[in-house]
Amino acid sequence: MIGPAPDRLVRWLETVGGGLQGPVTFEKFAGGQSNPTFALDVPGGRYVLRRKPAGVLLASAHAVEREYRLLKALHPLGFPVPRPIALCEEEDVIGSAFYIMERVEGRSYWDGSLPDEMPAARGLIYKNMIETLARLHRYDPDTVGLGDYGRPGNYFGRQVARWTRQYRASQTEDVPEIEKLIDWLARTVPEQGATSIIHGDYRIDNLIFDPAGGQVVAVLDWELSTTGDPLADFSYLALNWILPRDGLAAIGDVDLERAGIPSLAEITELYCQLSGRPRVSNPHWYFAFSLFRLVGIVQGIRKRIIDGNASSREAERAAQKLIPLARAGWDQARRAGASA
């Protein structure tokens, strides 16, 4: 529901300047499972506020300060991210740290099958999505001031350890497939092949597109961003070609040729061509890792539901995916050579 912004927030906005003067209207966006996001409208323009959720949080999660730093680095390069406006680290303003960014106008797609588009438009949208990811991965983190944005080396080893800790911190039940994944992934970590900026949750519903030409005009939700192996980003995106259609980003059982959507082989070829990365002969380890990481995210949502501070009405639906994702992850592990 649209309503007036909290008084403390209004007073803080007025100290920022740049047209951020009252009256201010304040409305929560319906989507999103992690950092609550709000529309801010003032007489001089339209903005977006992202904040940490309320309640007890997992260590290193929901770091809006990092998101803001990344936007500050990428926006001057012409990469499609919203222009950052201001960061507030004082928790007494609205109860947690938050930042303000511009509101980018365009079209969002929640359903990866793009049912309202023609085949030619679908193909263009997906090709632009792949081109934008490849462009992100071509940036040298040191050159753009993000050399210390993540720890150097052994990216997948550190990520397996991190998501194991995150899962354990929010674990609510015993899932045999997850236990096997934790053991197998830690024993079979591949060497890191390159280092780039990693979005961490790159998928079609975290992008805004130009309705006229299908170009990506904004990449959103950088909460999980870091520096690391670009294969982590690409394999996570590619999961949507493996997982069954769910009305969201997954398109695994869509007739892609008829829909005009490029196949997994085609997006892989395009990504490698545009990014300069070599093809991976056996991608199943990376798919297993990406599914395990997704399990960790979903488990965190489930725990926040139990604790009463989930940030979206869609959180329960997301949490129901935990067991199917765990089983899919172990299936990919077995395809990569894991034994029962």
Protein backbone atom coordinates (compact mmCIF):
# COMPACT_ATOMS: atom_id res chain seq x y z
CA MET A 1 0.00 0.00 0.00
CA ILE A 2 1.21 3.47 -0.86
CA GLY A 3 1.70 5.70 2.15
CA PRO A 4 3.84 8.44 3.63
CA ALA A 5 7.48 7.65 4.33
CA PRO A 6 8.61 7.48 7.98
CA ASP A 7 9.47 10.92 9.36
CA ARG A 8 13.09 10.04 10.09
CA LEU A 9 13.56 8.84 6.54
CA VAL A 10 12.09 12.04 5.13
CA ARG A 11 14.42 14.15 7.27
CA TRP A 12 17.42 12.07 6.16
CA LEU A 13 16.45 12.36 2.49
CA GLU A 14 16.31 16.13 2.82
CA THR A 15 19.94 16.15 4.04
CA VAL A 16 21.00 14.30 0.89
CA GLY A 17 19.73 17.03 -1.41
CA GLY A 18 19.59 16.65 -5.16
CA GLY A 19 15.83 17.06 -5.30
CA LEU A 20 15.06 14.53 -2.57
CA GLN A 21 12.57 16.79 -0.84
CA GLY A 22 9.14 15.96 0.55
CA PRO A 23 6.40 15.09 0.32
CA VAL A 24 7.58 11.48 -0.10
CA THR A 25 5.45 8.45 -0.88
CA PHE A 26 6.74 5.03 0.13
CA GLU A 27 5.61 1.64 -1.28
CA LYS A 28 7.11 -1.84 -0.92
CA PHE A 29 7.67 -3.85 -4.09
CA ALA A 30 5.97 -7.25 -3.98
CA GLY A 31 8.86 -9.32 -5.36
CA GLY A 32 12.18 -10.26 -3.83
CA GLN A 33 13.10 -12.67 -1.05
CA SER A 34 16.18 -11.02 0.45
CA ASN A 35 16.63 -7.28 0.80
CA PRO A 36 13.24 -5.51 1.02
CA THR A 37 12.91 -2.94 -1.75
CA PHE A 38 10.66 0.13 -1.85
CA ALA A 39 9.55 2.71 -4.40
CA LEU A 40 10.17 6.30 -3.31
CA ASP A 41 8.39 9.05 -5.19
CA VAL A 42 9.17 12.70 -4.59
CA PRO A 43 8.05 15.76 -6.56
CA GLY A 44 11.42 15.82 -8.36
CA GLY A 45 11.67 12.18 -9.40
CA ARG A 46 11.24 8.47 -8.76
CA TYR A 47 13.73 6.44 -6.74
CA VAL A 48 14.22 3.04 -5.14
CA LEU A 49 15.28 2.19 -1.58
CA ARG A 50 16.91 -1.15 -0.68
CA ARG A 51 17.43 -2.06 2.95
CA LYS A 52 18.49 -4.99 5.06
CA PRO A 53 15.58 -7.08 6.37
CA ALA A 54 14.51 -6.87 9.99
CA GLY A 55 15.47 -9.48 12.57
CA VAL A 56 18.53 -11.62 13.18
CA LEU A 57 20.56 -12.08 9.97
CA LEU A 58 23.16 -14.61 8.87
CA ALA A 59 26.73 -13.39 8.93
CA SER A 60 27.80 -11.65 5.68
CA ALA A 61 24.25 -11.77 4.26
CA HIS A 62 22.20 -8.76 3.07
CA ALA A 63 25.20 -6.44 2.79
CA VAL A 64 23.55 -3.46 1.11
CA GLU A 65 26.73 -1.46 1.66
CA ARG A 66 28.53 -3.80 -0.78
CA GLU A 67 25.73 -3.45 -3.33
CA TYR A 68 26.05 0.31 -3.18
CA ARG A 69 29.83 0.18 -3.64
CA LEU A 70 29.43 -2.03 -6.71
CA LEU A 71 26.85 0.29 -8.30
CA LYS A 72 29.22 3.20 -7.71
CA ALA A 73 31.94 1.30 -9.59
CA LEU A 74 29.89 0.01 -12.53
CA HIS A 75 27.57 2.92 -13.30
CA PRO A 76 30.32 5.30 -14.56
CA LEU A 77 31.47 2.56 -16.97
CA GLY A 78 28.14 2.61 -18.78
CA PHE A 79 27.22 -0.86 -17.57
CA PRO A 80 23.41 -1.08 -17.14
CA VAL A 81 22.89 -0.58 -13.41
CA PRO A 82 20.75 2.04 -11.65
CA ARG A 83 22.56 5.24 -10.72
CA PRO A 84 23.38 5.14 -6.98
CA ILE A 85 22.24 8.19 -5.05
CA ALA A 86 23.14 7.81 -1.38
CA LEU A 87 23.98 5.23 1.30
CA CYS A 88 22.79 5.39 4.91
CA GLU A 89 24.58 3.14 7.40
CA GLU A 90 22.82 4.65 10.43
CA GLU A 91 20.36 2.03 11.68
CA ASP A 92 18.27 4.50 13.67
CA VAL A 93 16.81 6.07 10.49
CA ILE A 94 14.62 3.10 9.46
CA GLY A 95 16.04 0.29 11.61
CA SER A 96 18.81 -0.95 9.28
CA ALA A 97 21.32 0.22 6.69
CA PHE A 98 19.88 1.13 3.26
CA TYR A 99 20.68 2.93 0.05
CA ILE A 100 18.84 5.00 -2.55
CA MET A 101 19.20 4.52 -6.29
CA GLU A 102 17.45 5.83 -9.36
CA ARG A 103 14.36 3.99 -10.60
CA VAL A 104 15.00 2.64 -14.09
CA GLU A 105 11.94 2.47 -16.30
CA GLY A 106 11.44 -0.53 -18.56
CA ARG A 107 9.92 -3.97 -18.66
CA SER A 108 10.47 -6.83 -16.21
CA TYR A 109 9.84 -10.45 -17.11
CA TRP A 110 8.90 -12.82 -14.29
CA ASP A 111 8.11 -15.77 -16.58
CA GLY A 112 11.19 -16.94 -18.50
CA SER A 113 9.06 -18.44 -21.26
CA LEU A 114 8.03 -14.87 -22.23
CA PRO A 115 4.46 -15.88 -23.13
CA ASP A 116 3.46 -12.38 -24.27
CA GLU A 117 6.33 -11.99 -26.76
CA MET A 118 6.78 -13.16 -30.34
CA PRO A 119 9.56 -15.70 -31.10
CA ALA A 120 11.89 -13.11 -32.66
CA ALA A 121 11.55 -10.85 -29.61
CA ARG A 122 12.20 -13.76 -27.24
CA GLY A 123 15.40 -14.63 -29.05
CA LEU A 124 16.61 -11.03 -28.92
CA ILE A 125 15.84 -10.69 -25.21
CA TYR A 126 17.80 -13.81 -24.35
CA LYS A 127 20.74 -12.90 -26.58
CA ASN A 128 20.92 -9.46 -24.96
CA MET A 129 20.83 -11.10 -21.53
CA ILE A 130 23.82 -13.30 -22.43
CA GLU A 131 25.71 -10.37 -23.99
CA THR A 132 25.25 -8.32 -20.81
CA LEU A 133 26.61 -11.12 -18.62
CA ALA A 134 29.60 -11.59 -20.92
CA ARG A 135 30.22 -7.83 -20.80
CA LEU A 136 30.23 -7.90 -16.99
CA HIS A 137 32.73 -10.74 -17.01
CA ARG A 138 35.09 -8.86 -19.33
CA TYR A 139 35.75 -6.14 -16.73
CA ASP A 140 39.01 -6.43 -14.82
CA PRO A 141 38.06 -6.03 -11.13
CA ASP A 142 41.35 -4.26 -10.34
CA THR A 143 40.88 -1.77 -13.18
CA VAL A 144 37.38 -0.76 -12.05
CA GLY A 145 38.32 -0.40 -8.38
CA LEU A 146 36.89 -3.72 -7.18
CA GLY A 147 40.10 -5.71 -6.82
CA ASP A 148 39.39 -6.23 -3.10
CA TYR A 149 35.65 -6.84 -3.53
CA GLY A 150 36.21 -10.58 -2.99
CA ARG A 151 38.99 -12.77 -1.67
CA PRO A 152 41.56 -13.93 -4.24
CA GLY A 153 41.89 -17.51 -5.50
CA ASN A 154 40.17 -20.84 -4.76
CA TYR A 155 36.76 -19.34 -5.49
CA PHE A 156 34.75 -22.56 -5.63
CA GLY A 157 36.43 -24.00 -2.56
CA ARG A 158 35.56 -20.91 -0.56
CA GLN A 159 32.03 -20.85 -1.96
CA VAL A 160 31.36 -24.47 -1.07
CA ALA A 161 32.55 -23.74 2.47
CA ARG A 162 30.53 -20.52 2.66
CA TRP A 163 27.25 -22.05 1.50
CA THR A 164 27.78 -25.03 3.77
CA ARG A 165 28.05 -22.60 6.69
CA GLN A 166 25.02 -20.65 5.49
CA TYR A 167 23.00 -23.83 5.14
CA ARG A 168 24.03 -25.08 8.58
CA ALA A 169 23.18 -21.73 10.15
CA SER A 170 19.61 -21.88 8.79
CA GLN A 171 19.09 -25.67 8.67
CA THR A 172 15.63 -26.81 9.73
CA GLU A 173 15.68 -30.51 8.80
CA ASP A 174 17.91 -33.34 7.56
CA VAL A 175 18.02 -33.81 3.77
CA PRO A 176 20.20 -36.77 2.68
CA GLU A 177 20.94 -35.35 -0.78
CA ILE A 178 22.28 -32.14 0.72
CA GLU A 179 24.56 -34.03 3.07
CA LYS A 180 25.99 -36.01 0.14
CA LEU A 181 26.43 -32.83 -1.90
CA ILE A 182 28.29 -31.10 0.91
CA ASP A 183 30.73 -33.99 1.20
CA TRP A 184 31.24 -34.53 -2.54
CA LEU A 185 31.58 -30.89 -3.57
CA ALA A 186 34.23 -30.23 -0.92
CA ARG A 187 36.29 -33.18 -2.17
CA THR A 188 36.10 -32.37 -5.89
CA VAL A 189 36.61 -28.61 -6.20
CA PRO A 190 37.96 -27.61 -9.65
CA GLU A 191 40.72 -25.07 -10.11
CA GLN A 192 39.69 -21.47 -10.72
CA GLY A 193 40.14 -20.58 -14.37
CA ALA A 194 39.61 -16.80 -14.31
CA THR A 195 38.58 -13.93 -12.06
CA SER A 196 35.82 -11.44 -12.81
CA ILE A 197 32.99 -9.55 -11.17
CA ILE A 198 30.24 -12.02 -10.23
CA HIS A 199 26.59 -10.95 -10.00
CA GLY A 200 25.61 -14.04 -8.02
CA ASP A 201 21.92 -14.21 -8.95
CA TYR A 202 21.87 -13.47 -12.66
CA ARG A 203 18.55 -14.46 -14.23
CA ILE A 204 15.87 -12.88 -16.39
CA ASP A 205 13.68 -11.62 -13.52
CA ASN A 206 16.59 -9.61 -12.09
CA LEU A 207 16.87 -7.56 -15.28
CA ILE A 208 14.92 -4.64 -16.73
CA PHE A 209 14.59 -4.48 -20.52
CA ASP A 210 13.86 -1.72 -23.01
CA PRO A 211 10.37 -2.63 -24.32
CA ALA A 212 11.19 -1.27 -27.77
CA GLY A 213 14.40 -3.13 -28.55
CA GLY A 214 14.89 -5.79 -25.90
CA GLN A 215 18.16 -4.34 -24.62
CA VAL A 216 19.05 -4.73 -20.96
CA VAL A 217 18.70 -1.32 -19.32
CA ALA A 218 19.32 -2.38 -15.71
CA VAL A 219 20.73 -5.35 -13.82
CA LEU A 220 19.27 -5.47 -10.32
CA ASP A 221 19.72 -7.34 -7.01
CA TRP A 222 23.49 -7.42 -6.48
CA GLU A 223 23.29 -8.79 -2.93
CA LEU A 224 25.36 -11.89 -3.75
CA SER A 225 27.93 -10.12 -5.91
CA THR A 226 31.66 -10.67 -5.43
CA THR A 227 34.74 -11.38 -7.50
CA GLY A 228 35.45 -14.94 -8.55
CA ASP A 229 35.20 -17.51 -11.32
CA PRO A 230 32.78 -16.33 -14.05
CA LEU A 231 31.68 -19.94 -14.57
CA ALA A 232 29.75 -19.61 -11.32
CA ASP A 233 27.54 -16.91 -12.84
CA PHE A 234 27.09 -18.64 -16.18
CA SER A 235 26.33 -22.08 -14.73
CA TYR A 236 23.80 -20.56 -12.33
CA LEU A 237 22.05 -18.85 -15.25
CA ALA A 238 22.20 -22.06 -17.31
CA LEU A 239 20.29 -23.92 -14.60
CA ASN A 240 17.16 -22.32 -16.00
CA TRP A 241 17.59 -24.45 -19.12
CA ILE A 242 17.73 -27.57 -16.90
CA LEU A 243 15.06 -27.00 -14.26
CA PRO A 244 11.41 -27.55 -15.29
CA ARG A 245 9.27 -24.53 -16.10
CA ASP A 246 7.89 -22.98 -12.93
CA GLY A 247 6.28 -19.77 -14.15
CA LEU A 248 9.47 -17.96 -13.16
CA ALA A 249 12.93 -18.06 -14.77
CA ALA A 250 13.15 -21.84 -15.37
CA ILE A 251 12.41 -23.01 -18.93
CA GLY A 252 13.72 -26.59 -18.90
CA ASP A 253 10.68 -28.20 -20.50
CA VAL A 254 9.75 -25.38 -22.89
CA ASP A 255 9.85 -26.12 -26.64
CA LEU A 256 12.71 -23.67 -27.16
CA GLU A 257 12.92 -23.93 -30.95
CA ARG A 258 9.23 -23.18 -31.34
CA ALA A 259 9.40 -20.41 -28.74
CA GLY A 260 12.38 -18.75 -30.44
CA ILE A 261 14.51 -19.06 -27.28
CA PRO A 262 18.13 -20.14 -27.81
CA SER A 263 19.07 -23.61 -26.53
CA LEU A 264 21.58 -24.32 -23.77
CA ALA A 265 24.17 -25.19 -26.41
CA GLU A 266 23.49 -21.93 -28.24
CA ILE A 267 23.75 -19.70 -25.17
CA THR A 268 26.93 -21.51 -24.16
CA GLU A 269 28.46 -20.89 -27.57
CA LEU A 270 27.38 -17.24 -27.53
CA TYR A 271 28.67 -16.65 -24.01
CA CYS A 272 32.06 -18.23 -24.75
CA GLN A 273 32.37 -16.20 -27.95
CA LEU A 274 31.52 -12.89 -26.29
CA SER A 275 33.40 -13.41 -23.03
CA GLY A 276 36.47 -15.12 -24.45
CA ARG A 277 36.05 -18.02 -21.99
CA PRO A 278 36.74 -21.60 -23.11
CA ARG A 279 33.99 -24.21 -23.12
CA VAL A 280 33.86 -26.65 -20.20
CA SER A 281 33.86 -30.30 -21.27
CA ASN A 282 31.92 -31.51 -18.21
CA PRO A 283 29.66 -28.78 -16.81
CA HIS A 284 27.80 -31.03 -14.36
CA TRP A 285 30.04 -30.21 -11.36
CA TYR A 286 29.21 -26.55 -11.86
CA PHE A 287 25.49 -27.31 -12.15
CA ALA A 288 25.65 -29.39 -8.95
CA PHE A 289 27.41 -26.54 -7.16
CA SER A 290 24.92 -23.97 -8.44
CA LEU A 291 21.99 -26.09 -7.26
CA PHE A 292 23.61 -26.54 -3.84
CA ARG A 293 24.10 -22.79 -3.61
CA LEU A 294 20.46 -22.28 -4.58
CA VAL A 295 19.49 -24.74 -1.85
CA GLY A 296 21.39 -22.56 0.62
CA ILE A 297 19.48 -19.48 -0.53
CA VAL A 298 16.11 -21.26 -0.32
CA GLN A 299 16.96 -22.69 3.10
CA GLY A 300 17.63 -19.16 4.31
CA ILE A 301 14.18 -18.14 3.06
CA ARG A 302 12.60 -21.10 4.86
CA LYS A 303 14.34 -20.14 8.11
CA ARG A 304 13.17 -16.54 7.79
CA ILE A 305 9.59 -17.80 7.36
CA ILE A 306 9.92 -19.74 10.62
CA ASP A 307 11.45 -16.71 12.34
CA GLY A 308 8.67 -14.49 10.98
CA ASN A 309 10.76 -12.05 8.96
CA ALA A 310 10.53 -13.33 5.37
CA SER A 311 10.38 -10.32 3.04
CA SER A 312 7.82 -11.51 0.49
CA ARG A 313 4.51 -13.31 0.26
CA GLU A 314 6.21 -15.53 -2.33
CA ALA A 315 8.71 -16.79 0.25
CA GLU A 316 6.65 -19.88 1.14
CA ARG A 317 6.46 -20.87 -2.52
CA ALA A 318 10.22 -20.53 -2.86
CA ALA A 319 10.86 -22.56 0.28
CA GLN A 320 8.84 -25.47 -1.11
CA LYS A 321 11.51 -25.94 -3.78
CA LEU A 322 14.14 -27.06 -1.26
CA ILE A 323 13.79 -30.85 -1.61
CA PRO A 324 13.39 -30.87 -5.43
CA LEU A 325 16.47 -28.65 -5.77
CA ALA A 326 18.49 -30.88 -3.46
CA ARG A 327 17.57 -33.95 -5.50
CA ALA A 328 18.37 -32.17 -8.77
CA GLY A 329 21.75 -31.14 -7.33
CA TRP A 330 22.65 -34.70 -6.42
CA ASP A 331 21.52 -35.88 -9.87
CA GLN A 332 23.96 -33.41 -11.46
CA ALA A 333 26.68 -34.58 -9.07
CA ARG A 334 26.14 -38.17 -10.17
CA ARG A 335 26.36 -37.08 -13.81
CA ALA A 336 29.68 -35.48 -12.93
CA GLY A 337 30.96 -38.75 -11.49
CA ALA A 338 29.76 -38.87 -7.88
CA SER A 339 28.82 -42.31 -6.58
CA ALA A 340 25.97 -43.10 -4.21
